[in-house]
C-alpha atoms as a PDB file:
ATOM      1  CA  UNK A   1       0.000   0.000   0.000  1.00  0.00           C
ATOM      2  CA  UNK A   2       1.315   3.387  -0.937  1.00  0.00           C
ATOM      3  CA  UNK A   3       1.370   6.438   1.294  1.00  0.00           C
ATOM      4  CA  UNK A   4      -1.079   8.279  -0.959  1.00  0.00           C
ATOM      5  CA  UNK A   5      -3.582   5.408  -0.673  1.00  0.00           C
ATOM      6  CA  UNK A   6      -3.320   5.411   3.111  1.00  0.00           C
ATOM      7  CA  UNK A   7      -3.642   9.203   3.280  1.00  0.00           C
ATOM      8  CA  UNK A   8      -6.723   9.196   1.050  1.00  0.00           C
ATOM      9  CA  UNK A   9      -8.264   6.346   3.040  1.00  0.00           C
ATOM     10  CA  UNK A  10      -7.644   8.203   6.322  1.00  0.00           C
ATOM     11  CA  UNK A  11      -9.267  11.336   4.890  1.00  0.00           C
ATOM     12  CA  UNK A  12     -12.296   9.307   3.803  1.00  0.00           C
ATOM     13  CA  UNK A  13     -12.656   7.749   7.242  1.00  0.00           C
ATOM     14  CA  UNK A  14     -12.574  11.201   8.798  1.00  0.00           C
ATOM     15  CA  UNK A  15     -15.216  12.529   6.385  1.00  0.00           C
ATOM     16  CA  UNK A  16     -17.463   9.542   7.115  1.00  0.00           C
ATOM     17  CA  UNK A  17     -17.013  10.021  10.860  1.00  0.00           C
ATOM     18  CA  UNK A  18     -17.869  13.718  10.620  1.00  0.00           C
ATOM     19  CA  UNK A  19     -20.880  13.001   8.398  1.00  0.00           C
ATOM     20  CA  UNK A  20     -22.169  10.341  10.790  1.00  0.00           C
ATOM     21  CA  UNK A  21     -21.786  12.591  13.839  1.00  0.00           C
ATOM     22  CA  UNK A  22     -23.503  15.535  12.124  1.00  0.00           C
ATOM     23  CA  UNK A  23     -26.372  13.333  10.966  1.00  0.00           C
ATOM     24  CA  UNK A  24     -26.726  11.783  14.415  1.00  0.00           C
ATOM     25  CA  UNK A  25     -26.811  15.188  16.113  1.00  0.00           C
ATOM     26  CA  UNK A  26     -29.322  16.429  13.553  1.00  0.00           C
ATOM     27  CA  UNK A  27     -31.498  13.396  14.260  1.00  0.00           C
ATOM     28  CA  UNK A  28     -31.961  14.805  17.775  1.00  0.00           C
ATOM     29  CA  UNK A  29     -33.502  17.929  16.221  1.00  0.00           C
ATOM     30  CA  UNK A  30     -36.120  15.897  14.356  1.00  0.00           C
ATOM     31  CA  UNK A  31     -36.988  13.396  17.102  1.00  0.00           C
ATOM     32  CA  UNK A  32     -39.233  14.911  19.765  1.00  0.00           C
ATOM     33  CA  UNK A  33     -38.909  12.045  22.243  1.00  0.00           C
ATOM     34  CA  UNK A  34     -35.944   9.848  23.123  1.00  0.00           C
ATOM     35  CA  UNK A  35     -37.643   6.610  22.103  1.00  0.00           C
ATOM     36  CA  UNK A  36     -38.111   8.086  18.615  1.00  0.00           C
ATOM     37  CA  UNK A  37     -34.488   9.216  18.549  1.00  0.00           C
ATOM     38  CA  UNK A  38     -33.191   5.761  19.451  1.00  0.00           C
ATOM     39  CA  UNK A  39     -35.056   4.185  16.548  1.00  0.00           C
ATOM     40  CA  UNK A  40     -33.899   6.894  14.117  1.00  0.00           C
ATOM     41  CA  UNK A  41     -30.309   6.587  15.361  1.00  0.00           C
ATOM     42  CA  UNK A  42     -30.437   2.829  14.873  1.00  0.00           C
ATOM     43  CA  UNK A  43     -31.736   3.279  11.316  1.00  0.00           C
ATOM     44  CA  UNK A  44     -28.988   5.797  10.581  1.00  0.00           C
ATOM     45  CA  UNK A  45     -26.341   3.419  11.887  1.00  0.00           C
ATOM     46  CA  UNK A  46     -27.696   0.639   9.653  1.00  0.00           C
ATOM     47  CA  UNK A  47     -27.372   2.907   6.608  1.00  0.00           C
ATOM     48  CA  UNK A  48     -23.698   3.448   7.407  1.00  0.00           C
ATOM     49  CA  UNK A  49     -23.020  -0.194   8.288  1.00  0.00           C
ATOM     50  CA  UNK A  50     -24.401  -1.483   4.952  1.00  0.00           C
ATOM     51  CA  UNK A  51     -21.509   0.114   3.056  1.00  0.00           C
ATOM     52  CA  UNK A  52     -18.823  -0.597   5.631  1.00  0.00           C
ATOM     53  CA  UNK A  53     -16.937  -3.112   3.499  1.00  0.00           C
ATOM     54  CA  UNK A  54     -16.680  -1.113   0.241  1.00  0.00           C
ATOM     55  CA  UNK A  55     -13.005  -0.947  -0.812  1.00  0.00           C
ATOM     56  CA  UNK A  56     -12.942   1.082  -4.048  1.00  0.00           C
ATOM     57  CA  UNK A  57     -11.743   4.608  -3.228  1.00  0.00           C
ATOM     58  CA  UNK A  58     -13.687   6.304  -6.022  1.00  0.00           C
ATOM     59  CA  UNK A  59     -16.895   4.543  -4.988  1.00  0.00           C
ATOM     60  CA  UNK A  60     -16.326   5.610  -1.395  1.00  0.00           C
ATOM     61  CA  UNK A  61     -15.783   9.240  -2.473  1.00  0.00           C
ATOM     62  CA  UNK A  62     -19.003   9.140  -4.512  1.00  0.00           C
ATOM     63  CA  UNK A  63     -20.941   7.628  -1.608  1.00  0.00           C
ATOM     64  CA  UNK A  64     -19.611  10.260   0.814  1.00  0.00           C
ATOM     65  CA  UNK A  65     -20.644  13.060  -1.558  1.00  0.00           C
ATOM     66  CA  UNK A  66     -24.116  11.536  -1.931  1.00  0.00           C
ATOM     67  CA  UNK A  67     -24.383  11.215   1.844  1.00  0.00           C
ATOM     68  CA  UNK A  68     -23.344  14.823   2.389  1.00  0.00           C
ATOM     69  CA  UNK A  69     -25.844  16.001  -0.239  1.00  0.00           C
ATOM     70  CA  UNK A  70     -28.613  13.992   1.423  1.00  0.00           C
ATOM     71  CA  UNK A  71     -27.644  15.374   4.826  1.00  0.00           C
ATOM     72  CA  UNK A  72     -27.696  18.967   3.542  1.00  0.00           C
ATOM     73  CA  UNK A  73     -31.062  18.360   1.875  1.00  0.00           C
ATOM     74  CA  UNK A  74     -32.702  16.974   5.035  1.00  0.00           C
ATOM     75  CA  UNK A  75     -30.939  19.098   7.639  1.00  0.00           C
ATOM     76  CA  UNK A  76     -33.301  20.601  10.208  1.00  0.00           C
ATOM     77  CA  UNK A  77     -34.180  24.231   9.378  1.00  0.00           C
ATOM     78  CA  UNK A  78     -34.342  25.297  13.043  1.00  0.00           C
ATOM     79  CA  UNK A  79     -31.894  23.164  15.039  1.00  0.00           C
ATOM     80  CA  UNK A  80     -32.052  22.988  18.803  1.00  0.00           C
ATOM     81  CA  UNK A  81     -29.359  25.049  20.513  1.00  0.00           C
ATOM     82  CA  UNK A  82     -28.697  24.664  24.216  1.00  0.00           C
ATOM     83  CA  UNK A  83     -29.878  27.964  25.780  1.00  0.00           C
ATOM     84  CA  UNK A  84     -26.543  28.892  27.380  1.00  0.00           C
ATOM     85  CA  UNK A  85     -24.433  27.996  24.327  1.00  0.00           C
ATOM     86  CA  UNK A  86     -23.474  30.595  21.682  1.00  0.00           C
ATOM     87  CA  UNK A  87     -26.595  31.228  19.625  1.00  0.00           C
ATOM     88  CA  UNK A  88     -28.862  30.066  22.458  1.00  0.00           C
ATOM     89  CA  UNK A  89     -31.609  32.188  23.986  1.00  0.00           C
ATOM     90  CA  UNK A  90     -29.757  32.737  27.299  1.00  0.00           C
ATOM     91  CA  UNK A  91     -26.272  33.277  25.900  1.00  0.00           C
ATOM     92  CA  UNK A  92     -24.859  36.498  27.448  1.00  0.00           C
ATOM     93  CA  UNK A  93     -28.308  37.482  28.670  1.00  0.00           C
ATOM     94  CA  UNK A  94     -26.854  38.924  31.873  1.00  0.00           C
ATOM     95  CA  UNK A  95     -23.262  39.841  31.076  1.00  0.00           C
ATOM     96  CA  UNK A  96     -20.868  40.990  33.792  1.00  0.00           C
ATOM     97  CA  UNK A  97     -20.806  44.777  34.255  1.00  0.00           C
ATOM     98  CA  UNK A  98     -17.726  46.583  32.928  1.00  0.00           C
ATOM     99  CA  UNK A  99     -14.784  47.398  35.195  1.00  0.00           C
ATOM    100  CA  UNK A 100     -15.375  50.433  37.404  1.00  0.00           C
ATOM    101  CA  UNK A 101     -19.141  50.082  37.644  1.00  0.00           C
ATOM    102  CA  UNK A 102     -20.399  49.088  41.065  1.00  0.00           C
ATOM    103  CA  UNK A 103     -23.777  47.456  41.646  1.00  0.00           C
ATOM    104  CA  UNK A 104     -25.537  48.669  44.780  1.00  0.00           C
ATOM    105  CA  UNK A 105     -27.888  45.954  45.977  1.00  0.00           C
ATOM    106  CA  UNK A 106     -29.415  47.872  48.893  1.00  0.00           C
ATOM    107  CA  UNK A 107     -30.260  51.022  46.955  1.00  0.00           C
ATOM    108  CA  UNK A 108     -32.825  53.110  48.870  1.00  0.00           C
ATOM    109  CA  UNK A 109     -32.272  51.159  52.078  1.00  0.00           C
ATOM    110  CA  UNK A 110     -29.045  52.781  53.198  1.00  0.00           C
ATOM    111  CA  UNK A 111     -28.311  53.158  56.895  1.00  0.00           C
ATOM    112  CA  UNK A 112     -29.097  56.713  57.990  1.00  0.00           C
ATOM    113  CA  UNK A 113     -27.235  56.511  61.234  1.00  0.00           C
END
């Protein structure tokens, strides 16, 4: 086996891994309940396992491109984002005040002694 073959094969494995992880995470956006997600995840895994033993590099490249096109076609239009993550609804909702600004928590209740 030549170095170029091994390098191309490693790149294909990485692309397949990334595609599978993206598709699996996107499955969570479509499945409302966990029991639905588990079935969809199992079906997705079967689709990847069917072609596990293909050896022709050009066929693998074509299959990866078809898989990526299918993923982009069926990707969820409004994916779930954890609220406190970047892009979430709570992200930087209450940012820290800038340096030099003091927050007075007992405003109006000062000691008049």
